[in-house]
Amino acid sequence: MSSFNYFSTLASGTLESLGFFGVVTIPLFLGSAFLVGSALYRKEAKPLRVLVACIVPAIIPIGVLIAGVAFVEPQGVGGEAVPRFMGLSVEYAQTAVSVLMFLILPLGLALGWWARRAWIAVLASTIWWGWVSFCAGIEATMSITGNWL
């Protein structure tokens, strides 16, 4: 299995996690979409700035999944993922995933300040992407530790 296929497998697992926690996922997505959509039509807010500020946090879950792939070698014996860096402790890799997940907080604050009048839409978008990052973090941590649910 190539690294891209393994990344796709982790992304698929993230989507499954989002679906499994649909009671949280659906209201967050609908609320975020409503607030972003309403912010685009406000006269005070600049649409391009709103779109950029609401889409940029999507890099965090992608980075979390990349970390889930970077610390394991998907071509292990029997298709199992094995650690890529033998001298590296699993805790370091888990810490890297946790740091990536928490980076969404300062990023959301900075983008909210940058978006000015559309800060509420950016806040909603950041909460949404934070939830997606949490689900991606679950998959990345399972990948790194080898303990799958």
N, C-alpha and C. Protein backbone atom coordinates (compact mmCIF):
# COMPACT_ATOMS: atom_id res chain seq x y z
N MET A 1 0.85 -1.17 0.00
CA MET A 1 0.00 0.00 0.00
C MET A 1 0.89 1.24 0.00
N SER A 2 0.61 2.15 -0.91
CA SER A 2 1.40 3.37 -0.98
C SER A 2 0.96 4.34 0.11
N SER A 3 1.78 5.36 0.34
CA SER A 3 1.45 6.36 1.35
C SER A 3 0.17 7.11 0.99
N PHE A 4 -0.04 7.36 -0.31
CA PHE A 4 -1.26 8.05 -0.73
C PHE A 4 -2.49 7.19 -0.45
N ASN A 5 -2.39 5.90 -0.74
CA ASN A 5 -3.52 5.01 -0.45
C ASN A 5 -3.78 4.92 1.05
N TYR A 6 -2.70 4.92 1.83
CA TYR A 6 -2.87 4.88 3.29
C TYR A 6 -3.50 6.17 3.79
N PHE A 7 -3.10 7.32 3.22
CA PHE A 7 -3.72 8.59 3.56
C PHE A 7 -5.21 8.56 3.21
N SER A 8 -5.54 8.00 2.05
CA SER A 8 -6.95 7.89 1.65
C SER A 8 -7.73 7.00 2.61
N THR A 9 -7.08 5.94 3.10
CA THR A 9 -7.74 5.06 4.08
C THR A 9 -8.01 5.81 5.38
N LEU A 10 -7.04 6.60 5.83
CA LEU A 10 -7.25 7.39 7.05
C LEU A 10 -8.32 8.46 6.84
N ALA A 11 -8.35 9.09 5.67
CA ALA A 11 -9.37 10.09 5.38
C ALA A 11 -10.75 9.43 5.36
N SER A 12 -10.84 8.24 4.81
CA SER A 12 -12.10 7.51 4.79
C SER A 12 -12.54 7.18 6.22
N GLY A 13 -11.60 6.79 7.05
CA GLY A 13 -11.93 6.53 8.45
C GLY A 13 -12.39 7.78 9.18
N THR A 14 -11.83 8.93 8.81
CA THR A 14 -12.26 10.20 9.40
C THR A 14 -13.70 10.49 9.01
N LEU A 15 -14.04 10.25 7.76
CA LEU A 15 -15.42 10.46 7.32
C LEU A 15 -16.37 9.50 8.04
N GLU A 16 -15.92 8.29 8.27
CA GLU A 16 -16.74 7.33 9.03
C GLU A 16 -16.95 7.81 10.46
N SER A 17 -15.89 8.36 11.06
CA SER A 17 -16.02 8.90 12.42
C SER A 17 -17.00 10.06 12.46
N LEU A 18 -16.93 10.93 11.46
CA LEU A 18 -17.87 12.05 11.38
C LEU A 18 -19.30 11.54 11.25
N GLY A 19 -19.48 10.50 10.46
CA GLY A 19 -20.81 9.91 10.31
C GLY A 19 -21.28 9.21 11.56
N PHE A 20 -20.35 8.56 12.26
CA PHE A 20 -20.72 7.86 13.49
C PHE A 20 -21.19 8.84 14.57
N PHE A 21 -20.54 9.99 14.63
CA PHE A 21 -20.91 11.03 15.58
C PHE A 21 -21.83 12.05 14.91
N GLY A 22 -22.78 11.57 14.13
CA GLY A 22 -23.67 12.44 13.36
C GLY A 22 -24.49 13.39 14.20
N VAL A 23 -24.75 13.03 15.46
CA VAL A 23 -25.52 13.90 16.34
C VAL A 23 -24.77 15.21 16.58
N VAL A 24 -23.46 15.16 16.55
CA VAL A 24 -22.65 16.36 16.70
C VAL A 24 -22.31 16.95 15.34
N THR A 25 -21.99 16.10 14.38
CA THR A 25 -21.51 16.54 13.08
C THR A 25 -22.56 17.35 12.32
N ILE A 26 -23.77 16.86 12.26
CA ILE A 26 -24.80 17.52 11.44
C ILE A 26 -25.13 18.92 11.95
N PRO A 27 -25.41 19.13 13.25
CA PRO A 27 -25.67 20.51 13.69
C PRO A 27 -24.47 21.44 13.52
N LEU A 28 -23.25 20.93 13.76
CA LEU A 28 -22.08 21.78 13.56
C LEU A 28 -21.93 22.19 12.10
N PHE A 29 -22.13 21.24 11.20
CA PHE A 29 -21.98 21.57 9.78
C PHE A 29 -23.07 22.54 9.32
N LEU A 30 -24.31 22.26 9.69
CA LEU A 30 -25.40 23.13 9.26
C LEU A 30 -25.28 24.53 9.86
N GLY A 31 -24.93 24.62 11.13
CA GLY A 31 -24.75 25.93 11.76
C GLY A 31 -23.61 26.70 11.14
N SER A 32 -22.51 26.02 10.89
CA SER A 32 -21.36 26.66 10.27
C SER A 32 -21.68 27.13 8.86
N ALA A 33 -22.35 26.27 8.08
CA ALA A 33 -22.71 26.65 6.71
C ALA A 33 -23.67 27.83 6.70
N PHE A 34 -24.62 27.86 7.63
CA PHE A 34 -25.56 28.97 7.70
C PHE A 34 -24.84 30.28 8.03
N LEU A 35 -23.95 30.24 9.03
CA LEU A 35 -23.26 31.47 9.43
C LEU A 35 -22.29 31.96 8.36
N VAL A 36 -21.61 31.04 7.70
CA VAL A 36 -20.71 31.45 6.61
C VAL A 36 -21.51 32.01 5.45
N GLY A 37 -22.62 31.33 5.11
CA GLY A 37 -23.47 31.83 4.02
C GLY A 37 -24.05 33.20 4.32
N SER A 38 -24.49 33.43 5.55
CA SER A 38 -25.05 34.74 5.89
C SER A 38 -23.97 35.82 5.94
N ALA A 39 -22.76 35.44 6.33
CA ALA A 39 -21.66 36.42 6.35
C ALA A 39 -21.26 36.85 4.94
N LEU A 40 -21.43 35.96 3.97
CA LEU A 40 -21.08 36.31 2.59
C LEU A 40 -21.99 37.40 2.03
N TYR A 41 -23.20 37.50 2.56
CA TYR A 41 -24.16 38.47 2.03
C TYR A 41 -24.22 39.75 2.86
N ARG A 42 -23.41 39.86 3.89
CA ARG A 42 -23.39 41.10 4.66
C ARG A 42 -22.61 42.16 3.89
N LYS A 43 -23.09 43.37 3.91
CA LYS A 43 -22.42 44.44 3.18
C LYS A 43 -21.09 44.82 3.80
N GLU A 44 -20.98 44.68 5.12
CA GLU A 44 -19.76 45.09 5.81
C GLU A 44 -18.60 44.11 5.58
N ALA A 45 -18.91 42.87 5.31
CA ALA A 45 -17.88 41.84 5.17
C ALA A 45 -17.46 41.69 3.70
N LYS A 46 -16.18 41.48 3.50
CA LYS A 46 -15.65 41.24 2.15
C LYS A 46 -15.73 39.74 1.86
N PRO A 47 -16.43 39.36 0.79
CA PRO A 47 -16.66 37.93 0.53
C PRO A 47 -15.38 37.10 0.38
N LEU A 48 -14.39 37.65 -0.30
CA LEU A 48 -13.15 36.89 -0.50
C LEU A 48 -12.45 36.66 0.84
N ARG A 49 -12.45 37.67 1.68
CA ARG A 49 -11.83 37.54 2.99
C ARG A 49 -12.57 36.51 3.83
N VAL A 50 -13.88 36.50 3.75
CA VAL A 50 -14.67 35.53 4.51
C VAL A 50 -14.36 34.11 4.03
N LEU A 51 -14.34 33.92 2.71
CA LEU A 51 -14.07 32.58 2.17
C LEU A 51 -12.69 32.08 2.56
N VAL A 52 -11.69 32.94 2.43
CA VAL A 52 -10.33 32.53 2.78
C VAL A 52 -10.24 32.19 4.26
N ALA A 53 -10.82 33.04 5.10
CA ALA A 53 -10.74 32.83 6.55
C ALA A 53 -11.50 31.58 6.98
N CYS A 54 -12.51 31.19 6.23
CA CYS A 54 -13.28 30.01 6.60
C CYS A 54 -12.74 28.71 6.00
N ILE A 55 -11.96 28.81 4.95
CA ILE A 55 -11.44 27.60 4.30
C ILE A 55 -10.03 27.26 4.79
N VAL A 56 -9.25 28.25 5.16
CA VAL A 56 -7.87 28.00 5.59
C VAL A 56 -7.75 27.01 6.74
N PRO A 57 -8.66 27.00 7.75
CA PRO A 57 -8.51 26.01 8.82
C PRO A 57 -8.61 24.55 8.36
N ALA A 58 -9.00 24.33 7.12
CA ALA A 58 -9.08 22.96 6.60
C ALA A 58 -7.69 22.32 6.46
N ILE A 59 -6.63 23.13 6.52
CA ILE A 59 -5.29 22.54 6.42
C ILE A 59 -4.93 21.75 7.67
N ILE A 60 -5.57 22.06 8.80
CA ILE A 60 -5.23 21.37 10.05
C ILE A 60 -5.59 19.89 10.00
N PRO A 61 -6.84 19.50 9.63
CA PRO A 61 -7.11 18.06 9.58
C PRO A 61 -6.27 17.34 8.53
N ILE A 62 -5.94 18.03 7.44
CA ILE A 62 -5.07 17.43 6.43
C ILE A 62 -3.69 17.17 7.03
N GLY A 63 -3.18 18.15 7.78
CA GLY A 63 -1.88 17.98 8.43
C GLY A 63 -1.89 16.86 9.46
N VAL A 64 -3.00 16.74 10.19
CA VAL A 64 -3.12 15.67 11.18
C VAL A 64 -3.07 14.31 10.49
N LEU A 65 -3.78 14.17 9.37
CA LEU A 65 -3.74 12.89 8.65
C LEU A 65 -2.37 12.63 8.03
N ILE A 66 -1.71 13.68 7.58
CA ILE A 66 -0.35 13.51 7.05
C ILE A 66 0.58 13.02 8.16
N ALA A 67 0.41 13.55 9.37
CA ALA A 67 1.21 13.07 10.50
C ALA A 67 0.90 11.61 10.79
N GLY A 68 -0.37 11.21 10.64
CA GLY A 68 -0.73 9.82 10.84
C GLY A 68 -0.08 8.89 9.83
N VAL A 69 0.21 9.41 8.65
CA VAL A 69 0.89 8.62 7.61
C VAL A 69 2.40 8.72 7.77
N ALA A 70 2.89 9.89 8.17
CA ALA A 70 4.34 10.12 8.20
C ALA A 70 5.06 9.27 9.23
N PHE A 71 4.41 8.92 10.32
CA PHE A 71 5.08 8.20 11.39
C PHE A 71 4.96 6.68 11.27
N VAL A 72 4.29 6.20 10.23
CA VAL A 72 4.18 4.75 10.04
C VAL A 72 4.54 4.39 8.60
N GLU A 73 4.93 3.15 8.43
CA GLU A 73 5.25 2.62 7.10
C GLU A 73 4.13 1.67 6.70
N PRO A 74 3.29 2.06 5.73
CA PRO A 74 2.14 1.22 5.41
C PRO A 74 2.47 -0.08 4.70
N GLN A 75 3.71 -0.31 4.26
CA GLN A 75 4.06 -1.54 3.56
C GLN A 75 4.63 -2.58 4.50
N GLY A 76 4.10 -2.69 5.68
CA GLY A 76 4.59 -3.66 6.66
C GLY A 76 4.18 -5.08 6.30
N VAL A 77 4.53 -6.00 7.14
CA VAL A 77 4.22 -7.41 6.94
C VAL A 77 2.71 -7.60 7.03
N GLY A 78 2.13 -8.21 6.05
CA GLY A 78 0.69 -8.48 6.06
C GLY A 78 -0.17 -7.24 5.91
N GLY A 79 0.39 -6.17 5.36
CA GLY A 79 -0.38 -4.95 5.17
C GLY A 79 -0.52 -4.11 6.42
N GLU A 80 0.07 -4.54 7.53
CA GLU A 80 -0.01 -3.79 8.78
C GLU A 80 0.95 -2.60 8.72
N ALA A 81 0.57 -1.51 9.35
CA ALA A 81 1.44 -0.34 9.42
C ALA A 81 2.46 -0.56 10.54
N VAL A 82 3.72 -0.33 10.24
CA VAL A 82 4.79 -0.45 11.23
C VAL A 82 5.45 0.91 11.39
N PRO A 83 6.07 1.17 12.56
CA PRO A 83 6.71 2.48 12.77
C PRO A 83 7.77 2.76 11.72
N ARG A 84 7.78 3.98 11.20
CA ARG A 84 8.75 4.37 10.19
C ARG A 84 10.10 4.68 10.83
N PHE A 85 10.08 5.28 12.01
CA PHE A 85 11.30 5.65 12.71
C PHE A 85 11.42 4.75 13.93
N MET A 86 12.29 3.78 13.87
CA MET A 86 12.36 2.77 14.93
C MET A 86 12.80 3.35 16.27
N GLY A 87 13.65 4.37 16.30
CA GLY A 87 14.12 4.93 17.56
C GLY A 87 13.15 5.93 18.17
N LEU A 88 12.10 6.27 17.45
CA LEU A 88 11.16 7.30 17.91
C LEU A 88 10.06 6.68 18.75
N SER A 89 9.84 7.27 19.90
CA SER A 89 8.79 6.78 20.78
C SER A 89 7.42 7.15 20.22
N VAL A 90 6.43 6.30 20.48
CA VAL A 90 5.07 6.56 20.02
C VAL A 90 4.53 7.84 20.64
N GLU A 91 4.96 8.15 21.86
CA GLU A 91 4.46 9.35 22.54
C GLU A 91 4.84 10.62 21.78
N TYR A 92 6.01 10.64 21.15
CA TYR A 92 6.41 11.81 20.38
C TYR A 92 5.50 12.01 19.19
N ALA A 93 5.17 10.93 18.53
CA ALA A 93 4.28 11.03 17.37
C ALA A 93 2.88 11.46 17.81
N GLN A 94 2.41 10.93 18.94
CA GLN A 94 1.10 11.34 19.45
C GLN A 94 1.11 12.81 19.86
N THR A 95 2.22 13.27 20.41
CA THR A 95 2.34 14.68 20.77
C THR A 95 2.30 15.56 19.53
N ALA A 96 2.94 15.12 18.46
CA ALA A 96 2.90 15.88 17.21
C ALA A 96 1.47 16.00 16.69
N VAL A 97 0.71 14.94 16.77
CA VAL A 97 -0.69 14.98 16.34
C VAL A 97 -1.49 15.91 17.24
N SER A 98 -1.27 15.85 18.54
CA SER A 98 -2.00 16.72 19.48
C SER A 98 -1.67 18.18 19.24
N VAL A 99 -0.40 18.49 19.01
CA VAL A 99 0.00 19.88 18.73
C VAL A 99 -0.67 20.37 17.46
N LEU A 100 -0.69 19.54 16.44
CA LEU A 100 -1.36 19.94 15.19
C LEU A 100 -2.85 20.19 15.42
N MET A 101 -3.47 19.36 16.26
CA MET A 101 -4.90 19.55 16.51
C MET A 101 -5.16 20.85 17.27
N PHE A 102 -4.28 21.21 18.19
CA PHE A 102 -4.49 22.44 18.96
C PHE A 102 -4.06 23.70 18.21
N LEU A 103 -3.34 23.56 17.11
CA LEU A 103 -2.96 24.73 16.31
C LEU A 103 -4.17 25.43 15.71
N ILE A 104 -5.29 24.76 15.66
CA ILE A 104 -6.48 25.39 15.09
C ILE A 104 -6.97 26.55 15.95
N LEU A 105 -6.69 26.53 17.26
CA LEU A 105 -7.14 27.61 18.14
C LEU A 105 -6.47 28.95 17.81
N PRO A 106 -5.12 29.05 17.80
CA PRO A 106 -4.53 30.34 17.43
C PRO A 106 -4.80 30.72 15.97
N LEU A 107 -4.89 29.71 15.12
CA LEU A 107 -5.21 30.00 13.72
C LEU A 107 -6.60 30.60 13.60
N GLY A 108 -7.57 30.04 14.30
CA GLY A 108 -8.93 30.59 14.28
C GLY A 108 -9.01 31.98 14.86
N LEU A 109 -8.27 32.23 15.94
CA LEU A 109 -8.24 33.58 16.52
C LEU A 109 -7.65 34.60 15.54
N ALA A 110 -6.55 34.23 14.92
CA ALA A 110 -5.91 35.14 13.96
C ALA A 110 -6.81 35.40 12.75
N LEU A 111 -7.44 34.36 12.24
CA LEU A 111 -8.33 34.53 11.09
C LEU A 111 -9.59 35.30 11.47
N GLY A 112 -10.08 35.11 12.68
CA GLY A 112 -11.23 35.88 13.14
C GLY A 112 -10.92 37.36 13.22
N TRP A 113 -9.72 37.68 13.71
CA TRP A 113 -9.30 39.08 13.75
C TRP A 113 -9.14 39.63 12.34
N TRP A 114 -8.60 38.83 11.44
CA TRP A 114 -8.36 39.27 10.07
C TRP A 114 -9.67 39.47 9.31
N ALA A 115 -10.67 38.65 9.59
CA ALA A 115 -11.94 38.74 8.87
C ALA A 115 -12.79 39.92 9.34
N ARG A 116 -12.45 40.51 10.47
CA ARG A 116 -13.12 41.68 11.04
C ARG A 116 -14.60 41.46 11.27
N ARG A 117 -15.45 41.96 10.40
CA ARG A 117 -16.90 41.93 10.60
C ARG A 117 -17.50 40.53 10.48
N ALA A 118 -16.79 39.61 9.91
CA ALA A 118 -17.32 38.24 9.73
C ALA A 118 -16.71 37.28 10.75
N TRP A 119 -16.32 37.78 11.91
CA TRP A 119 -15.63 36.95 12.89
C TRP A 119 -16.50 35.80 13.37
N ILE A 120 -17.81 35.99 13.43
CA ILE A 120 -18.68 34.91 13.92
C ILE A 120 -18.71 33.74 12.93
N ALA A 121 -18.64 34.05 11.65
CA ALA A 121 -18.59 32.98 10.63
C ALA A 121 -17.26 32.24 10.72
N VAL A 122 -16.19 32.98 10.96
CA VAL A 122 -14.88 32.34 11.09
C VAL A 122 -14.84 31.49 12.35
N LEU A 123 -15.45 31.95 13.42
CA LEU A 123 -15.53 31.17 14.65
C LEU A 123 -16.28 29.86 14.41
N ALA A 124 -17.42 29.95 13.74
CA ALA A 124 -18.20 28.74 13.43
C ALA A 124 -17.41 27.79 12.53
N SER A 125 -16.74 28.34 11.54
CA SER A 125 -15.93 27.52 10.65
C SER A 125 -14.77 26.86 11.39
N THR A 126 -14.16 27.60 12.30
CA THR A 126 -13.05 27.05 13.09
C THR A 126 -13.54 25.93 14.00
N ILE A 127 -14.72 26.10 14.58
CA ILE A 127 -15.28 25.02 15.42
C ILE A 127 -15.54 23.79 14.56
N TRP A 128 -16.08 23.99 13.36
CA TRP A 128 -16.33 22.87 12.45
C TRP A 128 -15.03 22.15 12.11
N TRP A 129 -14.01 22.91 11.68
CA TRP A 129 -12.75 22.28 11.30
C TRP A 129 -12.03 21.70 12.51
N GLY A 130 -12.27 22.25 13.70
CA GLY A 130 -11.74 21.65 14.92
C GLY A 130 -12.35 20.29 15.18
N TRP A 131 -13.65 20.16 14.91
CA TRP A 131 -14.32 18.87 15.06
C TRP A 131 -13.78 17.86 14.05
N VAL A 132 -13.58 18.30 12.82
CA VAL A 132 -13.01 17.42 11.80
C VAL A 132 -11.58 17.03 12.20
N SER A 133 -10.83 17.98 12.76
CA SER A 133 -9.47 17.68 13.22
C SER A 133 -9.48 16.67 14.35
N PHE A 134 -10.45 16.77 15.24
CA PHE A 134 -10.57 15.80 16.33
C PHE A 134 -10.80 14.40 15.78
N CYS A 135 -11.70 14.28 14.81
CA CYS A 135 -11.96 12.96 14.21
C CYS A 135 -10.74 12.47 13.44
N ALA A 136 -10.03 13.37 12.75
CA ALA A 136 -8.81 12.99 12.05
C ALA A 136 -7.73 12.58 13.06
N GLY A 137 -7.71 13.25 14.21
CA GLY A 137 -6.75 12.90 15.25
C GLY A 137 -6.98 11.51 15.81
N ILE A 138 -8.24 11.12 15.91
CA ILE A 138 -8.56 9.75 16.34
C ILE A 138 -7.95 8.75 15.36
N GLU A 139 -8.16 8.98 14.08
CA GLU A 139 -7.61 8.07 13.06
C GLU A 139 -6.09 8.07 13.05
N ALA A 140 -5.49 9.27 13.15
CA ALA A 140 -4.03 9.36 13.12
C ALA A 140 -3.42 8.68 14.34
N THR A 141 -4.04 8.84 15.50
CA THR A 141 -3.52 8.20 16.71
C THR A 141 -3.64 6.69 16.62
N MET A 142 -4.75 6.20 16.09
CA MET A 142 -4.89 4.75 15.92
C MET A 142 -3.84 4.24 14.94
N SER A 143 -3.55 5.02 13.90
CA SER A 143 -2.54 4.62 12.92
C SER A 143 -1.16 4.55 13.55
N ILE A 144 -0.86 5.55 14.37
CA ILE A 144 0.47 5.62 14.97
C ILE A 144 0.68 4.52 16.01
N THR A 145 -0.32 4.31 16.85
CA THR A 145 -0.17 3.31 17.92
C THR A 145 -0.42 1.89 17.44
N GLY A 146 -1.18 1.74 16.37
CA GLY A 146 -1.52 0.41 15.89
C GLY A 146 -2.70 -0.20 16.63
N ASN A 147 -3.30 0.56 17.54
CA ASN A 147 -4.47 0.10 18.29
C ASN A 147 -5.73 0.62 17.60
N TRP A 148 -6.35 -0.22 16.78
CA TRP A 148 -7.53 0.18 16.02
C TRP A 148 -8.77 -0.22 16.79
N LEU A 149 -9.78 0.64 16.74
CA LEU A 149 -11.07 0.33 17.39
C LEU A 149 -11.80 -0.75 16.64
